[in-house]
Amino acid sequence: MSDSTSPDSVWSPLTGESIPVTASDALLKIGAVAERSGVSVKTIRFYCDQGLLQPVARSDGRYRLFDDSVFAELALIRRLRAMDLPLATVGTVLGARRSGICTCNDLQATIRGKFTEIQQRVHELQSLEAELNTMLNTWERCGGR
């Protein structure tokens, strides 16, 4: 059985109604999305449960159905999570993106904060590196005892 589906109609959680689907709509089940994106089914379900991803519809069998826009959203989620941004912030960015309302200032402030945090961590690691280097350079051999 294929993971893409094109039934006559599907239930939309966004409108609460059954909507007609044509063959050109090519809605994808979660397994097909996972395979094409490289993101596990479990992670996609988690993102849906957290409100980060929204299926465009549900099949008669209640399978989540996605359109191709899910791939751009997954890529954005991966980039934001790679920056170690919290899920709440990722959700805010996705919500703003979907609504078309620009939150550039908020996002820039968040990224600046993350940048400062990373600079502090780099400084701490450089200090640790210097301390370890000093320790190794001043090491006294114990003669194997």
N, C-alpha and C. Protein backbone atom coordinates (compact mmCIF):
# COMPACT_ATOMS: atom_id res chain seq x y z
N MET A 1 0.83 -1.18 0.00
CA MET A 1 0.00 0.00 0.00
C MET A 1 0.87 1.24 0.00
N SER A 2 0.57 2.21 -0.81
CA SER A 2 1.35 3.44 -0.92
C SER A 2 1.05 4.37 0.24
N ASP A 3 2.04 5.23 0.58
CA ASP A 3 1.84 6.20 1.65
C ASP A 3 1.21 7.48 1.15
N SER A 4 1.10 7.67 -0.15
CA SER A 4 0.36 8.83 -0.63
C SER A 4 -1.06 8.36 -0.91
N THR A 5 -2.00 9.29 -0.81
CA THR A 5 -3.39 8.90 -0.95
C THR A 5 -4.15 9.96 -1.73
N SER A 6 -5.15 9.55 -2.44
CA SER A 6 -6.00 10.51 -3.13
C SER A 6 -7.44 10.00 -3.11
N PRO A 7 -8.05 9.88 -1.91
CA PRO A 7 -9.44 9.46 -1.83
C PRO A 7 -10.33 10.57 -2.37
N ASP A 8 -11.64 10.29 -2.48
CA ASP A 8 -12.58 11.30 -2.99
C ASP A 8 -12.68 12.49 -2.06
N SER A 9 -12.59 12.25 -0.74
CA SER A 9 -12.63 13.34 0.22
C SER A 9 -11.88 12.92 1.48
N VAL A 10 -11.45 13.92 2.24
CA VAL A 10 -10.77 13.69 3.51
C VAL A 10 -11.33 14.66 4.53
N TRP A 11 -11.18 14.31 5.79
CA TRP A 11 -11.63 15.17 6.88
C TRP A 11 -10.53 16.16 7.22
N SER A 12 -10.88 17.43 7.30
CA SER A 12 -9.91 18.47 7.63
C SER A 12 -10.07 18.89 9.08
N PRO A 13 -9.02 18.71 9.90
CA PRO A 13 -9.11 19.17 11.29
C PRO A 13 -9.15 20.68 11.38
N LEU A 14 -8.73 21.36 10.33
CA LEU A 14 -8.73 22.82 10.34
C LEU A 14 -10.14 23.38 10.22
N THR A 15 -10.99 22.73 9.39
CA THR A 15 -12.35 23.22 9.19
C THR A 15 -13.38 22.33 9.87
N GLY A 16 -13.00 21.12 10.22
CA GLY A 16 -13.94 20.18 10.83
C GLY A 16 -14.91 19.58 9.82
N GLU A 17 -14.60 19.71 8.54
CA GLU A 17 -15.48 19.23 7.48
C GLU A 17 -14.74 18.28 6.56
N SER A 18 -15.52 17.53 5.80
CA SER A 18 -14.95 16.68 4.77
C SER A 18 -14.68 17.56 3.56
N ILE A 19 -13.49 17.46 2.99
CA ILE A 19 -13.16 18.28 1.83
C ILE A 19 -12.82 17.38 0.66
N PRO A 20 -13.21 17.79 -0.54
CA PRO A 20 -12.90 16.98 -1.72
C PRO A 20 -11.42 17.04 -2.04
N VAL A 21 -10.91 15.93 -2.52
CA VAL A 21 -9.49 15.86 -2.88
C VAL A 21 -9.40 15.34 -4.30
N THR A 22 -8.58 16.01 -5.09
CA THR A 22 -8.36 15.54 -6.45
C THR A 22 -7.04 14.80 -6.51
N ALA A 23 -6.81 14.07 -7.55
CA ALA A 23 -5.57 13.31 -7.70
C ALA A 23 -4.36 14.23 -7.71
N SER A 24 -4.54 15.48 -8.12
CA SER A 24 -3.40 16.40 -8.19
C SER A 24 -2.98 16.89 -6.81
N ASP A 25 -3.84 16.72 -5.79
CA ASP A 25 -3.51 17.18 -4.45
C ASP A 25 -2.38 16.38 -3.82
N ALA A 26 -2.27 15.11 -4.15
CA ALA A 26 -1.19 14.24 -3.71
C ALA A 26 -0.84 14.42 -2.24
N LEU A 27 -1.79 14.15 -1.37
CA LEU A 27 -1.54 14.23 0.06
C LEU A 27 -0.73 13.02 0.51
N LEU A 28 0.13 13.24 1.48
CA LEU A 28 1.06 12.20 1.91
C LEU A 28 0.76 11.77 3.34
N LYS A 29 0.83 10.48 3.56
CA LYS A 29 0.74 9.96 4.92
C LYS A 29 2.07 10.19 5.62
N ILE A 30 2.05 10.06 6.91
CA ILE A 30 3.21 10.37 7.73
C ILE A 30 4.45 9.54 7.35
N GLY A 31 4.25 8.29 6.95
CA GLY A 31 5.37 7.44 6.57
C GLY A 31 6.10 7.96 5.34
N ALA A 32 5.33 8.46 4.38
CA ALA A 32 5.94 9.02 3.16
C ALA A 32 6.69 10.31 3.49
N VAL A 33 6.11 11.12 4.38
CA VAL A 33 6.78 12.36 4.81
C VAL A 33 8.10 12.01 5.50
N ALA A 34 8.05 11.02 6.38
CA ALA A 34 9.26 10.60 7.11
C ALA A 34 10.33 10.12 6.14
N GLU A 35 9.94 9.31 5.19
CA GLU A 35 10.90 8.76 4.24
C GLU A 35 11.55 9.85 3.40
N ARG A 36 10.74 10.79 2.90
CA ARG A 36 11.29 11.86 2.05
C ARG A 36 12.08 12.90 2.82
N SER A 37 11.73 13.11 4.09
CA SER A 37 12.38 14.18 4.86
C SER A 37 13.57 13.69 5.68
N GLY A 38 13.61 12.39 5.96
CA GLY A 38 14.66 11.88 6.83
C GLY A 38 14.37 12.09 8.31
N VAL A 39 13.17 12.55 8.63
CA VAL A 39 12.72 12.74 10.02
C VAL A 39 11.86 11.54 10.37
N SER A 40 12.07 10.96 11.55
CA SER A 40 11.34 9.75 11.91
C SER A 40 9.84 10.02 12.09
N VAL A 41 9.05 8.97 11.89
CA VAL A 41 7.61 9.05 12.09
C VAL A 41 7.32 9.50 13.53
N LYS A 42 8.05 8.95 14.47
CA LYS A 42 7.86 9.30 15.88
C LYS A 42 8.08 10.80 16.12
N THR A 43 9.12 11.36 15.51
CA THR A 43 9.41 12.79 15.66
C THR A 43 8.33 13.64 15.01
N ILE A 44 7.86 13.23 13.84
CA ILE A 44 6.79 13.97 13.17
C ILE A 44 5.53 13.95 14.02
N ARG A 45 5.20 12.80 14.59
CA ARG A 45 4.03 12.73 15.49
C ARG A 45 4.21 13.65 16.69
N PHE A 46 5.42 13.66 17.26
CA PHE A 46 5.72 14.54 18.39
C PHE A 46 5.52 16.00 17.99
N TYR A 47 6.05 16.39 16.82
CA TYR A 47 5.86 17.77 16.36
C TYR A 47 4.39 18.10 16.18
N CYS A 48 3.61 17.15 15.68
CA CYS A 48 2.16 17.36 15.55
C CYS A 48 1.52 17.54 16.92
N ASP A 49 1.88 16.66 17.85
CA ASP A 49 1.32 16.74 19.21
C ASP A 49 1.67 18.04 19.90
N GLN A 50 2.85 18.60 19.57
CA GLN A 50 3.30 19.86 20.17
C GLN A 50 2.74 21.08 19.43
N GLY A 51 2.02 20.84 18.34
CA GLY A 51 1.43 21.94 17.58
C GLY A 51 2.37 22.59 16.59
N LEU A 52 3.54 21.98 16.38
CA LEU A 52 4.50 22.56 15.44
C LEU A 52 4.12 22.25 14.00
N LEU A 53 3.61 21.06 13.76
CA LEU A 53 3.15 20.66 12.43
C LEU A 53 1.65 20.43 12.49
N GLN A 54 1.00 20.77 11.38
CA GLN A 54 -0.44 20.58 11.30
C GLN A 54 -0.77 19.84 10.02
N PRO A 55 -1.31 18.62 10.15
CA PRO A 55 -1.72 17.94 8.93
C PRO A 55 -2.83 18.74 8.26
N VAL A 56 -2.86 18.71 6.94
CA VAL A 56 -3.89 19.46 6.22
C VAL A 56 -5.24 18.75 6.28
N ALA A 57 -5.20 17.45 6.55
CA ALA A 57 -6.44 16.67 6.58
C ALA A 57 -6.18 15.34 7.27
N ARG A 58 -7.26 14.60 7.44
CA ARG A 58 -7.19 13.21 7.93
C ARG A 58 -7.94 12.33 6.95
N SER A 59 -7.43 11.14 6.74
CA SER A 59 -8.09 10.20 5.84
C SER A 59 -9.30 9.60 6.57
N ASP A 60 -10.09 8.85 5.84
CA ASP A 60 -11.23 8.16 6.47
C ASP A 60 -10.76 7.25 7.59
N GLY A 61 -9.55 6.72 7.46
CA GLY A 61 -8.97 5.88 8.49
C GLY A 61 -8.27 6.68 9.58
N ARG A 62 -8.42 8.01 9.55
CA ARG A 62 -7.87 8.94 10.55
C ARG A 62 -6.35 9.10 10.46
N TYR A 63 -5.76 8.71 9.32
CA TYR A 63 -4.33 8.95 9.13
C TYR A 63 -4.09 10.44 8.90
N ARG A 64 -3.01 10.96 9.45
CA ARG A 64 -2.63 12.34 9.19
C ARG A 64 -2.20 12.45 7.73
N LEU A 65 -2.66 13.49 7.06
CA LEU A 65 -2.29 13.72 5.67
C LEU A 65 -1.64 15.10 5.55
N PHE A 66 -0.54 15.14 4.82
CA PHE A 66 0.24 16.36 4.67
C PHE A 66 0.39 16.71 3.19
N ASP A 67 0.53 18.01 2.93
CA ASP A 67 0.88 18.42 1.57
C ASP A 67 2.38 18.71 1.55
N ASP A 68 2.88 19.15 0.41
CA ASP A 68 4.32 19.36 0.26
C ASP A 68 4.88 20.47 1.15
N SER A 69 4.04 21.35 1.69
CA SER A 69 4.54 22.43 2.55
C SER A 69 5.16 21.89 3.84
N VAL A 70 4.84 20.65 4.19
CA VAL A 70 5.39 20.06 5.41
C VAL A 70 6.91 19.96 5.35
N PHE A 71 7.46 19.81 4.16
CA PHE A 71 8.92 19.64 4.04
C PHE A 71 9.66 20.94 4.38
N ALA A 72 9.13 22.07 3.95
CA ALA A 72 9.74 23.36 4.31
C ALA A 72 9.62 23.59 5.81
N GLU A 73 8.48 23.22 6.40
CA GLU A 73 8.30 23.40 7.83
C GLU A 73 9.23 22.49 8.62
N LEU A 74 9.39 21.25 8.18
CA LEU A 74 10.33 20.34 8.86
C LEU A 74 11.76 20.85 8.76
N ALA A 75 12.14 21.39 7.60
CA ALA A 75 13.49 21.93 7.44
C ALA A 75 13.71 23.11 8.39
N LEU A 76 12.69 23.97 8.51
CA LEU A 76 12.81 25.12 9.41
C LEU A 76 12.90 24.65 10.86
N ILE A 77 12.08 23.69 11.23
CA ILE A 77 12.13 23.15 12.60
C ILE A 77 13.52 22.60 12.89
N ARG A 78 14.08 21.86 11.96
CA ARG A 78 15.41 21.28 12.15
C ARG A 78 16.48 22.35 12.33
N ARG A 79 16.38 23.43 11.51
CA ARG A 79 17.36 24.52 11.64
C ARG A 79 17.23 25.22 12.99
N LEU A 80 16.01 25.50 13.39
CA LEU A 80 15.80 26.19 14.66
C LEU A 80 16.19 25.32 15.85
N ARG A 81 15.91 24.04 15.78
CA ARG A 81 16.30 23.13 16.86
C ARG A 81 17.81 22.94 16.90
N ALA A 82 18.47 22.99 15.72
CA ALA A 82 19.93 22.90 15.68
C ALA A 82 20.56 24.08 16.39
N MET A 83 19.84 25.21 16.42
CA MET A 83 20.30 26.38 17.17
C MET A 83 19.95 26.27 18.64
N ASP A 84 19.35 25.12 19.01
CA ASP A 84 18.98 24.85 20.40
C ASP A 84 17.88 25.79 20.89
N LEU A 85 17.03 26.25 19.96
CA LEU A 85 15.90 27.09 20.37
C LEU A 85 14.82 26.20 20.97
N PRO A 86 14.16 26.67 22.02
CA PRO A 86 13.11 25.86 22.65
C PRO A 86 11.92 25.66 21.72
N LEU A 87 11.19 24.58 21.96
CA LEU A 87 10.03 24.25 21.11
C LEU A 87 9.01 25.39 21.09
N ALA A 88 8.83 26.08 22.21
CA ALA A 88 7.88 27.19 22.24
C ALA A 88 8.28 28.28 21.25
N THR A 89 9.56 28.57 21.16
CA THR A 89 10.05 29.58 20.22
C THR A 89 9.88 29.10 18.79
N VAL A 90 10.17 27.82 18.56
CA VAL A 90 9.97 27.23 17.22
C VAL A 90 8.50 27.36 16.83
N GLY A 91 7.62 27.07 17.76
CA GLY A 91 6.18 27.19 17.50
C GLY A 91 5.77 28.61 17.17
N THR A 92 6.35 29.58 17.86
CA THR A 92 6.06 30.98 17.60
C THR A 92 6.50 31.37 16.20
N VAL A 93 7.69 30.94 15.82
CA VAL A 93 8.21 31.25 14.48
C VAL A 93 7.32 30.62 13.41
N LEU A 94 6.95 29.36 13.60
CA LEU A 94 6.09 28.69 12.62
C LEU A 94 4.72 29.36 12.53
N GLY A 95 4.18 29.74 13.69
CA GLY A 95 2.88 30.41 13.70
C GLY A 95 2.92 31.74 12.97
N ALA A 96 3.99 32.49 13.19
CA ALA A 96 4.14 33.77 12.51
C ALA A 96 4.30 33.55 11.00
N ARG A 97 5.05 32.53 10.66
CA ARG A 97 5.27 32.23 9.23
C ARG A 97 3.95 31.88 8.55
N ARG A 98 3.13 31.07 9.23
CA ARG A 98 1.84 30.67 8.66
C ARG A 98 0.88 31.84 8.55
N SER A 99 0.92 32.74 9.52
CA SER A 99 -0.02 33.86 9.54
C SER A 99 0.42 35.00 8.63
N GLY A 100 1.71 35.02 8.28
CA GLY A 100 2.22 36.09 7.45
C GLY A 100 2.59 37.33 8.24
N ILE A 101 2.50 37.27 9.58
CA ILE A 101 2.85 38.40 10.43
C ILE A 101 4.33 38.31 10.75
N CYS A 102 5.06 39.37 10.41
CA CYS A 102 6.51 39.37 10.60
C CYS A 102 6.84 39.56 12.07
N THR A 103 7.70 38.68 12.58
CA THR A 103 8.19 38.80 13.96
C THR A 103 9.71 38.86 13.93
N CYS A 104 10.23 39.58 12.95
CA CYS A 104 11.67 39.65 12.77
C CYS A 104 12.39 40.13 14.02
N ASN A 105 11.87 41.18 14.65
CA ASN A 105 12.54 41.73 15.83
C ASN A 105 12.61 40.70 16.95
N ASP A 106 11.51 39.99 17.17
CA ASP A 106 11.49 38.96 18.22
C ASP A 106 12.46 37.83 17.88
N LEU A 107 12.43 37.38 16.64
CA LEU A 107 13.32 36.30 16.24
C LEU A 107 14.77 36.73 16.30
N GLN A 108 15.06 37.94 15.86
CA GLN A 108 16.44 38.43 15.94
C GLN A 108 16.90 38.53 17.39
N ALA A 109 16.04 38.98 18.28
CA ALA A 109 16.39 39.07 19.70
C ALA A 109 16.68 37.69 20.26
N THR A 110 15.88 36.70 19.88
CA THR A 110 16.09 35.33 20.34
C THR A 110 17.43 34.80 19.83
N ILE A 111 17.71 35.04 18.56
CA ILE A 111 18.95 34.56 17.97
C ILE A 111 20.16 35.28 18.58
N ARG A 112 20.02 36.58 18.84
CA ARG A 112 21.11 37.30 19.51
C ARG A 112 21.38 36.71 20.89
N GLY A 113 20.31 36.39 21.62
CA GLY A 113 20.46 35.77 22.94
C GLY A 113 21.16 34.43 22.84
N LYS A 114 20.79 33.63 21.85
CA LYS A 114 21.43 32.33 21.64
C LYS A 114 22.88 32.52 21.25
N PHE A 115 23.17 33.54 20.42
CA PHE A 115 24.54 33.84 20.01
C PHE A 115 25.39 34.19 21.23
N THR A 116 24.86 35.01 22.11
CA THR A 116 25.58 35.39 23.34
C THR A 116 25.83 34.16 24.21
N GLU A 117 24.83 33.31 24.32
CA GLU A 117 24.98 32.07 25.11
C GLU A 117 26.08 31.19 24.54
N ILE A 118 26.13 31.05 23.22
CA ILE A 118 27.16 30.23 22.58
C ILE A 118 28.54 30.85 22.77
N GLN A 119 28.63 32.18 22.66
CA GLN A 119 29.92 32.85 22.90
C GLN A 119 30.41 32.57 24.32
N GLN A 120 29.51 32.58 25.31
CA GLN A 120 29.89 32.29 26.69
C GLN A 120 30.38 30.86 26.83
N ARG A 121 29.69 29.94 26.18
CA ARG A 121 30.10 28.54 26.24
C ARG A 121 31.46 28.34 25.60
N VAL A 122 31.70 29.01 24.46
CA VAL A 122 33.00 28.91 23.79
C VAL A 122 34.09 29.44 24.72
N HIS A 123 33.83 30.58 25.37
CA HIS A 123 34.81 31.16 26.30
C HIS A 123 35.11 30.19 27.45
N GLU A 124 34.04 29.58 28.01
CA GLU A 124 34.23 28.61 29.09
C GLU A 124 35.05 27.42 28.63
N LEU A 125 34.79 26.94 27.43
CA LEU A 125 35.55 25.80 26.90
C LEU A 125 37.00 26.17 26.62
N GLN A 126 37.23 27.40 26.15
CA GLN A 126 38.60 27.84 25.93
C GLN A 126 39.36 27.93 27.26
N SER A 127 38.68 28.38 28.31
CA SER A 127 39.30 28.44 29.64
C SER A 127 39.63 27.04 30.14
N LEU A 128 38.71 26.12 29.94
CA LEU A 128 38.93 24.73 30.34
C LEU A 128 40.09 24.14 29.55
N GLU A 129 40.15 24.44 28.26
CA GLU A 129 41.24 23.95 27.41
C GLU A 129 42.59 24.46 27.94
N ALA A 130 42.66 25.74 28.27
CA ALA A 130 43.91 26.32 28.79
C ALA A 130 44.30 25.67 30.11
N GLU A 131 43.31 25.43 30.96
CA GLU A 131 43.58 24.80 32.26
C GLU A 131 44.09 23.37 32.08
N LEU A 132 43.48 22.62 31.19
CA LEU A 132 43.94 21.25 30.93
C LEU A 132 45.33 21.24 30.31
N ASN A 133 45.59 22.19 29.40
CA ASN A 133 46.90 22.28 28.78
C ASN A 133 47.97 22.59 29.83
N THR A 134 47.68 23.50 30.75
CA THR A 134 48.61 23.82 31.83
C THR A 134 48.86 22.60 32.70
N MET A 135 47.79 21.88 33.02
CA MET A 135 47.91 20.69 33.84
C MET A 135 48.81 19.66 33.17
N LEU A 136 48.62 19.45 31.88
CA LEU A 136 49.44 18.46 31.16
C LEU A 136 50.89 18.90 31.06
N ASN A 137 51.12 20.20 30.85
CA ASN A 137 52.49 20.72 30.71
C ASN A 137 53.26 20.70 32.02
N THR A 138 52.56 20.74 33.13
CA THR A 138 53.24 20.76 34.43
C THR A 138 53.14 19.41 35.14
N TRP A 139 52.74 18.41 34.42
CA TRP A 139 52.54 17.08 34.99
C TRP A 139 53.87 16.52 35.47
N GLU A 140 53.86 16.02 36.68
CA GLU A 140 55.05 15.34 37.21
C GLU A 140 54.81 13.84 37.16
N ARG A 141 55.80 13.18 36.60
CA ARG A 141 55.67 11.72 36.49
C ARG A 141 55.82 11.10 37.88
N CYS A 142 55.01 10.10 38.15
CA CYS A 142 55.05 9.44 39.45
C CYS A 142 55.91 8.18 39.42
N GLY A 143 56.44 7.84 38.29
CA GLY A 143 57.29 6.68 38.19
C GLY A 143 56.52 5.38 38.13
N GLY A 144 55.23 5.45 37.84
CA GLY A 144 54.42 4.24 37.68
C GLY A 144 53.91 3.66 38.97
N ARG A 145 53.97 4.40 40.05
CA ARG A 145 53.49 3.88 41.33
C ARG A 145 52.12 4.36 41.65
